[in-house]
Amino acid sequence: MSPQPRALKTLNILSVILVLGAFLQVILFTPYEEIMGPVQKIFYFHVAVAWVGMLGFIASAVVAVIYLVTKDLKWDVICLAAVEISLVFFFEAIVLGSIWARRAWGTWWTWDPRLTTAAILEMIYLAYLLLRQGLEDPERRARFGAVYTLLGGLSVPLTFISIRIFRTIHPILIGGGGTDTMNMSNSMLLTMFISIGVFTLVFITLFWHRIRLGFLREEVEHTKLSVTE
């Protein structure tokens, strides 16, 4: 495997520094919410990892279109990388949201529209990984993966807008304009956007690493096939 590019090494260091900085910003410089107290600080990371989870799912759908047009298997590697990383981030969002919900709503889980659509979204992409394993032919696997992620991507906007089109107890962060809109001070808004930016950078870094690993695995598979033939 080729050495890491200098830009990727820089992203590694920058990601670690900025994540630590985001934690310090949340813990030390962001005010406590009046009702929930310290537990509310989970919110900043919950929103950030949910954002990058959805970002990766959308990216996989875009890459799926590129594969269907070009038929180049490298795009299948990139599509798989986006889904795998997003699954982890989105699962973290669900877990952090449950911890927050325990304090805010008095329960770890409720079948609220946002929570329900989020759980379905996670299961859709888990099924994608499982179904891929049953296809040995690389082209068939890539074609199936592209169509699946393209269709699965339709569930992402539904999850995002579910709190706006259904009755829900999940707060609307920005632009709701009603009593269900979460009121945040300027420092809270700033911290939220900082966390989103930091975790977006972390996603890009991990995505790059996972793509490199995927290409390496493809090289190993091709080498094994050439030896057996």
C-alpha atoms as a PDB file:
ATOM      1  CA  MET A   1       0.000   0.000   0.000  1.00  0.00           C
ATOM      2  CA  SER A   2       1.333   3.419  -0.915  1.00  0.00           C
ATOM      3  CA  PRO A   3       2.339   5.773   1.913  1.00  0.00           C
ATOM      4  CA  GLN A   4      -0.275   8.167   3.201  1.00  0.00           C
ATOM      5  CA  PRO A   5      -0.396  11.441   1.265  1.00  0.00           C
ATOM      6  CA  ARG A   6       0.792  14.489   3.157  1.00  0.00           C
ATOM      7  CA  ALA A   7      -2.699  15.966   3.008  1.00  0.00           C
ATOM      8  CA  LEU A   8      -4.151  12.879   4.725  1.00  0.00           C
ATOM      9  CA  LYS A   9      -1.492  12.999   7.439  1.00  0.00           C
ATOM     10  CA  THR A  10      -2.379  16.636   8.009  1.00  0.00           C
ATOM     11  CA  LEU A  11      -6.059  15.725   8.255  1.00  0.00           C
ATOM     12  CA  ASN A  12      -5.229  13.034  10.835  1.00  0.00           C
ATOM     13  CA  ILE A  13      -3.535  15.538  13.114  1.00  0.00           C
ATOM     14  CA  LEU A  14      -6.072  18.280  12.487  1.00  0.00           C
ATOM     15  CA  SER A  15      -8.987  15.946  13.219  1.00  0.00           C
ATOM     16  CA  VAL A  16      -7.580  14.910  16.598  1.00  0.00           C
ATOM     17  CA  ILE A  17      -6.850  18.505  17.609  1.00  0.00           C
ATOM     18  CA  LEU A  18     -10.257  19.791  16.534  1.00  0.00           C
ATOM     19  CA  VAL A  19     -12.178  16.952  18.214  1.00  0.00           C
ATOM     20  CA  LEU A  20     -10.394  17.693  21.484  1.00  0.00           C
ATOM     21  CA  GLY A  21     -11.127  21.373  20.969  1.00  0.00           C
ATOM     22  CA  ALA A  22     -14.815  20.660  20.345  1.00  0.00           C
ATOM     23  CA  PHE A  23     -15.023  18.612  23.544  1.00  0.00           C
ATOM     24  CA  LEU A  24     -13.444  21.426  25.530  1.00  0.00           C
ATOM     25  CA  GLN A  25     -15.780  23.958  23.898  1.00  0.00           C
ATOM     26  CA  VAL A  26     -18.818  21.887  24.878  1.00  0.00           C
ATOM     27  CA  ILE A  27     -17.695  21.030  28.402  1.00  0.00           C
ATOM     28  CA  LEU A  28     -16.089  24.284  29.516  1.00  0.00           C
ATOM     29  CA  PHE A  29     -17.507  27.159  27.501  1.00  0.00           C
ATOM     30  CA  THR A  30     -21.099  26.252  26.644  1.00  0.00           C
ATOM     31  CA  PRO A  31     -23.781  27.140  29.221  1.00  0.00           C
ATOM     32  CA  TYR A  32     -25.959  24.523  30.904  1.00  0.00           C
ATOM     33  CA  GLU A  33     -29.523  24.162  29.669  1.00  0.00           C
ATOM     34  CA  GLU A  34     -31.907  25.223  32.451  1.00  0.00           C
ATOM     35  CA  ILE A  35     -34.035  22.060  32.561  1.00  0.00           C
ATOM     36  CA  MET A  36     -31.763  19.191  31.517  1.00  0.00           C
ATOM     37  CA  GLY A  37     -28.508  20.473  32.942  1.00  0.00           C
ATOM     38  CA  PRO A  38     -25.207  18.751  31.983  1.00  0.00           C
ATOM     39  CA  VAL A  39     -26.885  15.941  30.023  1.00  0.00           C
ATOM     40  CA  GLN A  40     -27.972  18.460  27.401  1.00  0.00           C
ATOM     41  CA  LYS A  41     -24.343  18.817  26.293  1.00  0.00           C
ATOM     42  CA  ILE A  42     -24.695  15.432  24.580  1.00  0.00           C
ATOM     43  CA  PHE A  43     -26.886  17.283  22.104  1.00  0.00           C
ATOM     44  CA  TYR A  44     -23.920  18.916  20.339  1.00  0.00           C
ATOM     45  CA  PHE A  45     -22.332  15.572  19.496  1.00  0.00           C
ATOM     46  CA  HIS A  46     -25.678  13.909  18.780  1.00  0.00           C
ATOM     47  CA  VAL A  47     -26.488  16.496  16.100  1.00  0.00           C
ATOM     48  CA  ALA A  48     -22.974  16.389  14.639  1.00  0.00           C
ATOM     49  CA  VAL A  49     -22.745  12.602  14.212  1.00  0.00           C
ATOM     50  CA  ALA A  50     -26.312  12.445  12.884  1.00  0.00           C
ATOM     51  CA  TRP A  51     -25.379  15.078  10.299  1.00  0.00           C
ATOM     52  CA  VAL A  52     -22.297  13.254   9.044  1.00  0.00           C
ATOM     53  CA  GLY A  53     -24.181   9.950   9.051  1.00  0.00           C
ATOM     54  CA  MET A  54     -26.787  11.375   6.702  1.00  0.00           C
ATOM     55  CA  LEU A  55     -24.062  13.114   4.696  1.00  0.00           C
ATOM     56  CA  GLY A  56     -22.386   9.777   4.004  1.00  0.00           C
ATOM     57  CA  PHE A  57     -25.633   8.100   2.994  1.00  0.00           C
ATOM     58  CA  ILE A  58     -26.312  10.905   0.528  1.00  0.00           C
ATOM     59  CA  ALA A  59     -22.741  10.667  -0.757  1.00  0.00           C
ATOM     60  CA  SER A  60     -23.197   6.924  -1.356  1.00  0.00           C
ATOM     61  CA  ALA A  61     -26.292   7.635  -3.465  1.00  0.00           C
ATOM     62  CA  VAL A  62     -24.377  10.190  -5.556  1.00  0.00           C
ATOM     63  CA  VAL A  63     -21.502   7.749  -6.031  1.00  0.00           C
ATOM     64  CA  ALA A  64     -24.007   5.040  -6.974  1.00  0.00           C
ATOM     65  CA  VAL A  65     -25.220   7.190  -9.862  1.00  0.00           C
ATOM     66  CA  ILE A  66     -21.627   7.699 -11.015  1.00  0.00           C
ATOM     67  CA  TYR A  67     -21.051   3.929 -10.969  1.00  0.00           C
ATOM     68  CA  LEU A  68     -24.215   3.209 -12.956  1.00  0.00           C
ATOM     69  CA  VAL A  69     -23.044   5.685 -15.594  1.00  0.00           C
ATOM     70  CA  THR A  70     -19.357   4.689 -15.752  1.00  0.00           C
ATOM     71  CA  LYS A  71     -19.456   0.993 -14.689  1.00  0.00           C
ATOM     72  CA  ASP A  72     -16.078   1.592 -13.034  1.00  0.00           C
ATOM     73  CA  LEU A  73     -15.709  -0.696  -9.991  1.00  0.00           C
ATOM     74  CA  LYS A  74     -13.673   1.863  -8.086  1.00  0.00           C
ATOM     75  CA  TRP A  75     -16.913   3.748  -7.446  1.00  0.00           C
ATOM     76  CA  ASP A  76     -18.360   0.651  -5.790  1.00  0.00           C
ATOM     77  CA  VAL A  77     -15.422   0.711  -3.366  1.00  0.00           C
ATOM     78  CA  ILE A  78     -16.110   4.375  -2.597  1.00  0.00           C
ATOM     79  CA  CYS A  79     -19.848   3.752  -2.205  1.00  0.00           C
ATOM     80  CA  LEU A  80     -19.240   0.925   0.272  1.00  0.00           C
ATOM     81  CA  ALA A  81     -16.798   3.091   2.232  1.00  0.00           C
ATOM     82  CA  ALA A  82     -19.370   5.862   2.594  1.00  0.00           C
ATOM     83  CA  VAL A  83     -22.061   3.470   3.816  1.00  0.00           C
ATOM     84  CA  GLU A  84     -19.832   1.716   6.360  1.00  0.00           C
ATOM     85  CA  ILE A  85     -18.627   4.932   7.965  1.00  0.00           C
ATOM     86  CA  SER A  86     -22.088   6.484   7.971  1.00  0.00           C
ATOM     87  CA  LEU A  87     -23.567   3.410   9.653  1.00  0.00           C
ATOM     88  CA  VAL A  88     -21.174   3.882  12.567  1.00  0.00           C
ATOM     89  CA  PHE A  89     -21.829   7.593  12.886  1.00  0.00           C
ATOM     90  CA  PHE A  90     -25.588   7.205  12.603  1.00  0.00           C
ATOM     91  CA  PHE A  91     -25.620   4.427  15.205  1.00  0.00           C
ATOM     92  CA  GLU A  92     -23.726   6.761  17.529  1.00  0.00           C
ATOM     93  CA  ALA A  93     -26.398   9.398  16.883  1.00  0.00           C
ATOM     94  CA  ILE A  94     -29.140   6.959  17.903  1.00  0.00           C
ATOM     95  CA  VAL A  95     -27.291   5.940  21.074  1.00  0.00           C
ATOM     96  CA  LEU A  96     -26.515   9.531  22.090  1.00  0.00           C
ATOM     97  CA  GLY A  97     -30.076  10.526  21.304  1.00  0.00           C
ATOM     98  CA  SER A  98     -31.368   7.775  23.588  1.00  0.00           C
ATOM     99  CA  ILE A  99     -29.202   8.993  26.454  1.00  0.00           C
ATOM    100  CA  TRP A 100     -30.460  12.512  25.916  1.00  0.00           C
ATOM    101  CA  ALA A 101     -34.072  11.281  25.643  1.00  0.00           C
ATOM    102  CA  ARG A 102     -33.817   9.494  28.982  1.00  0.00           C
ATOM    103  CA  ARG A 103     -33.319  12.849  30.677  1.00  0.00           C
ATOM    104  CA  ALA A 104     -35.596  14.932  28.449  1.00  0.00           C
ATOM    105  CA  TRP A 105     -38.536  12.545  27.959  1.00  0.00           C
ATOM    106  CA  GLY A 106     -38.089  10.091  30.836  1.00  0.00           C
ATOM    107  CA  THR A 107     -37.544   7.088  28.532  1.00  0.00           C
ATOM    108  CA  TRP A 108     -34.674   5.608  26.559  1.00  0.00           C
ATOM    109  CA  TRP A 109     -36.814   5.094  23.479  1.00  0.00           C
ATOM    110  CA  THR A 110     -40.188   6.042  22.076  1.00  0.00           C
ATOM    111  CA  TRP A 111     -41.652   5.366  18.654  1.00  0.00           C
ATOM    112  CA  ASP A 112     -41.548   9.028  17.738  1.00  0.00           C
ATOM    113  CA  PRO A 113     -41.509   9.660  13.938  1.00  0.00           C
ATOM    114  CA  ARG A 114     -37.910  10.918  13.969  1.00  0.00           C
ATOM    115  CA  LEU A 115     -36.651   8.007  16.071  1.00  0.00           C
ATOM    116  CA  THR A 116     -38.621   5.481  14.062  1.00  0.00           C
ATOM    117  CA  THR A 117     -37.420   6.736  10.674  1.00  0.00           C
ATOM    118  CA  ALA A 118     -33.844   6.901  12.007  1.00  0.00           C
ATOM    119  CA  ALA A 119     -33.997   3.269  13.166  1.00  0.00           C
ATOM    120  CA  ILE A 120     -35.425   2.188   9.797  1.00  0.00           C
ATOM    121  CA  LEU A 121     -32.695   4.127   7.977  1.00  0.00           C
ATOM    122  CA  GLU A 122     -29.995   2.351   9.978  1.00  0.00           C
ATOM    123  CA  MET A 123     -31.537  -1.063   9.271  1.00  0.00           C
ATOM    124  CA  ILE A 124     -31.831  -0.322   5.545  1.00  0.00           C
ATOM    125  CA  TYR A 125     -28.090   0.156   5.254  1.00  0.00           C
ATOM    126  CA  LEU A 126     -27.273  -2.739   7.570  1.00  0.00           C
ATOM    127  CA  ALA A 127     -29.277  -4.912   5.179  1.00  0.00           C
ATOM    128  CA  TYR A 128     -27.212  -3.480   2.329  1.00  0.00           C
ATOM    129  CA  LEU A 129     -24.023  -4.830   3.885  1.00  0.00           C
ATOM    130  CA  LEU A 130     -25.556  -8.236   4.566  1.00  0.00           C
ATOM    131  CA  LEU A 131     -27.038  -8.622   1.092  1.00  0.00           C
ATOM    132  CA  ARG A 132     -23.758  -7.685  -0.585  1.00  0.00           C
ATOM    133  CA  GLN A 133     -22.102 -10.669   1.084  1.00  0.00           C
ATOM    134  CA  GLY A 134     -24.285 -13.055  -0.909  1.00  0.00           C
ATOM    135  CA  LEU A 135     -22.985 -11.819  -4.272  1.00  0.00           C
ATOM    136  CA  GLU A 136     -19.572 -13.074  -5.334  1.00  0.00           C
ATOM    137  CA  ASP A 137     -19.402 -11.577  -8.815  1.00  0.00           C
ATOM    138  CA  PRO A 138     -17.902  -8.058  -8.429  1.00  0.00           C
ATOM    139  CA  GLU A 139     -19.962  -6.488 -11.213  1.00  0.00           C
ATOM    140  CA  ARG A 140     -23.265  -7.931 -10.020  1.00  0.00           C
ATOM    141  CA  ARG A 141     -22.408  -6.880  -6.458  1.00  0.00           C
ATOM    142  CA  ALA A 142     -21.541  -3.373  -7.558  1.00  0.00           C
ATOM    143  CA  ARG A 143     -24.672  -3.026  -9.671  1.00  0.00           C
ATOM    144  CA  PHE A 144     -26.879  -4.285  -6.846  1.00  0.00           C
ATOM    145  CA  GLY A 145     -25.125  -1.983  -4.362  1.00  0.00           C
ATOM    146  CA  ALA A 146     -25.557   1.051  -6.595  1.00  0.00           C
ATOM    147  CA  VAL A 147     -29.285   0.506  -7.147  1.00  0.00           C
ATOM    148  CA  TYR A 148     -29.847  -0.309  -3.475  1.00  0.00           C
ATOM    149  CA  THR A 149     -28.040   2.747  -2.112  1.00  0.00           C
ATOM    150  CA  LEU A 150     -29.722   4.965  -4.683  1.00  0.00           C
ATOM    151  CA  LEU A 151     -33.160   3.793  -3.536  1.00  0.00           C
ATOM    152  CA  GLY A 152     -32.096   3.722   0.115  1.00  0.00           C
ATOM    153  CA  GLY A 153     -31.001   7.328  -0.181  1.00  0.00           C
ATOM    154  CA  LEU A 154     -34.663   8.316  -0.528  1.00  0.00           C
ATOM    155  CA  SER A 155     -35.140   7.506   3.161  1.00  0.00           C
ATOM    156  CA  VAL A 156     -32.567  10.115   4.199  1.00  0.00           C
ATOM    157  CA  PRO A 157     -34.656  13.233   3.409  1.00  0.00           C
ATOM    158  CA  LEU A 158     -37.703  11.512   4.922  1.00  0.00           C
ATOM    159  CA  THR A 159     -35.816  11.058   8.178  1.00  0.00           C
ATOM    160  CA  PHE A 160     -34.671  14.673   8.095  1.00  0.00           C
ATOM    161  CA  ILE A 161     -38.095  16.216   7.471  1.00  0.00           C
ATOM    162  CA  SER A 162     -40.092  13.774   9.611  1.00  0.00           C
ATOM    163  CA  ILE A 163     -40.192  16.234  12.522  1.00  0.00           C
ATOM    164  CA  ARG A 164     -41.726  18.844  10.232  1.00  0.00           C
ATOM    165  CA  ILE A 165     -44.433  16.745   8.568  1.00  0.00           C
ATOM    166  CA  PHE A 166     -45.509  14.530  11.486  1.00  0.00           C
ATOM    167  CA  ARG A 167     -46.586  15.263  15.042  1.00  0.00           C
ATOM    168  CA  THR A 168     -43.486  14.657  17.128  1.00  0.00           C
ATOM    169  CA  ILE A 169     -41.899  15.396  20.478  1.00  0.00           C
ATOM    170  CA  HIS A 170     -38.476  15.730  18.873  1.00  0.00           C
ATOM    171  CA  PRO A 171     -37.470  19.420  18.852  1.00  0.00           C
ATOM    172  CA  ILE A 172     -36.887  21.352  15.635  1.00  0.00           C
ATOM    173  CA  LEU A 173     -33.496  23.016  15.845  1.00  0.00           C
ATOM    174  CA  ILE A 174     -33.719  25.828  13.323  1.00  0.00           C
ATOM    175  CA  GLY A 175     -36.517  27.394  11.331  1.00  0.00           C
ATOM    176  CA  GLY A 176     -39.480  25.785  13.026  1.00  0.00           C
ATOM    177  CA  GLY A 177     -41.029  28.997  14.177  1.00  0.00           C
ATOM    178  CA  GLY A 178     -43.337  27.313  16.699  1.00  0.00           C
ATOM    179  CA  THR A 179     -43.398  26.105  20.268  1.00  0.00           C
ATOM    180  CA  ASP A 180     -41.628  22.898  19.219  1.00  0.00           C
ATOM    181  CA  THR A 181     -38.559  24.845  18.069  1.00  0.00           C
ATOM    182  CA  MET A 182     -35.570  24.450  20.362  1.00  0.00           C
ATOM    183  CA  ASN A 183     -34.497  27.810  21.783  1.00  0.00           C
ATOM    184  CA  MET A 184     -30.721  28.158  21.843  1.00  0.00           C
ATOM    185  CA  SER A 185     -28.473  31.010  22.826  1.00  0.00           C
ATOM    186  CA  ASN A 186     -25.882  32.316  20.391  1.00  0.00           C
ATOM    187  CA  SER A 187     -23.121  30.409  22.186  1.00  0.00           C
ATOM    188  CA  MET A 188     -25.144  27.186  21.909  1.00  0.00           C
ATOM    189  CA  LEU A 189     -25.709  27.715  18.188  1.00  0.00           C
ATOM    190  CA  LEU A 190     -22.029  28.477  17.674  1.00  0.00           C
ATOM    191  CA  THR A 191     -20.997  25.312  19.521  1.00  0.00           C
ATOM    192  CA  MET A 192     -23.430  23.224  17.493  1.00  0.00           C
ATOM    193  CA  PHE A 193     -22.055  24.511  14.191  1.00  0.00           C
ATOM    194  CA  ILE A 194     -18.475  24.038  15.396  1.00  0.00           C
ATOM    195  CA  SER A 195     -19.244  20.413  16.301  1.00  0.00           C
ATOM    196  CA  ILE A 196     -20.886  19.824  12.930  1.00  0.00           C
ATOM    197  CA  GLY A 197     -17.851  21.271  11.147  1.00  0.00           C
ATOM    198  CA  VAL A 198     -15.380  19.262  13.217  1.00  0.00           C
ATOM    199  CA  PHE A 199     -17.162  15.952  12.723  1.00  0.00           C
ATOM    200  CA  THR A 200     -17.543  16.655   9.014  1.00  0.00           C
ATOM    201  CA  LEU A 201     -13.758  16.906   8.854  1.00  0.00           C
ATOM    202  CA  VAL A 202     -13.453  13.665  10.841  1.00  0.00           C
ATOM    203  CA  PHE A 203     -15.816  12.000   8.377  1.00  0.00           C
ATOM    204  CA  ILE A 204     -13.710  13.152   5.415  1.00  0.00           C
ATOM    205  CA  THR A 205     -10.562  11.826   7.086  1.00  0.00           C
ATOM    206  CA  LEU A 206     -12.060   8.421   7.890  1.00  0.00           C
ATOM    207  CA  PHE A 207     -13.646   8.262   4.448  1.00  0.00           C
ATOM    208  CA  TRP A 208     -10.279   8.770   2.796  1.00  0.00           C
ATOM    209  CA  HIS A 209      -8.711   6.062   4.967  1.00  0.00           C
ATOM    210  CA  ARG A 210     -11.546   3.633   4.231  1.00  0.00           C
ATOM    211  CA  ILE A 211     -11.293   4.230   0.484  1.00  0.00           C
ATOM    212  CA  ARG A 212      -7.563   3.484   0.585  1.00  0.00           C
ATOM    213  CA  LEU A 213      -8.264   0.310   2.550  1.00  0.00           C
ATOM    214  CA  GLY A 214     -10.965  -0.675   0.058  1.00  0.00           C
ATOM    215  CA  PHE A 215      -8.633  -0.293  -2.905  1.00  0.00           C
ATOM    216  CA  LEU A 216      -6.004  -2.369  -1.089  1.00  0.00           C
ATOM    217  CA  ARG A 217      -8.549  -5.130  -0.480  1.00  0.00           C
ATOM    218  CA  GLU A 218      -9.499  -5.064  -4.158  1.00  0.00           C
ATOM    219  CA  GLU A 219      -5.837  -5.488  -5.113  1.00  0.00           C
ATOM    220  CA  VAL A 220      -5.534  -8.469  -2.772  1.00  0.00           C
ATOM    221  CA  GLU A 221      -8.669 -10.078  -4.235  1.00  0.00           C
ATOM    222  CA  HIS A 222      -7.405  -9.610  -7.800  1.00  0.00           C
ATOM    223  CA  THR A 223      -4.051 -11.100  -6.827  1.00  0.00           C
ATOM    224  CA  LYS A 224      -5.744 -14.156  -5.302  1.00  0.00           C
ATOM    225  CA  LEU A 225      -7.870 -14.653  -8.426  1.00  0.00           C
ATOM    226  CA  SER A 226      -4.852 -14.406 -10.725  1.00  0.00           C
ATOM    227  CA  VAL A 227      -2.961 -16.988  -8.636  1.00  0.00           C
ATOM    228  CA  THR A 228      -5.862 -19.459  -8.603  1.00  0.00           C
ATOM    229  CA  GLU A 229      -6.304 -19.127 -12.357  1.00  0.00           C
END
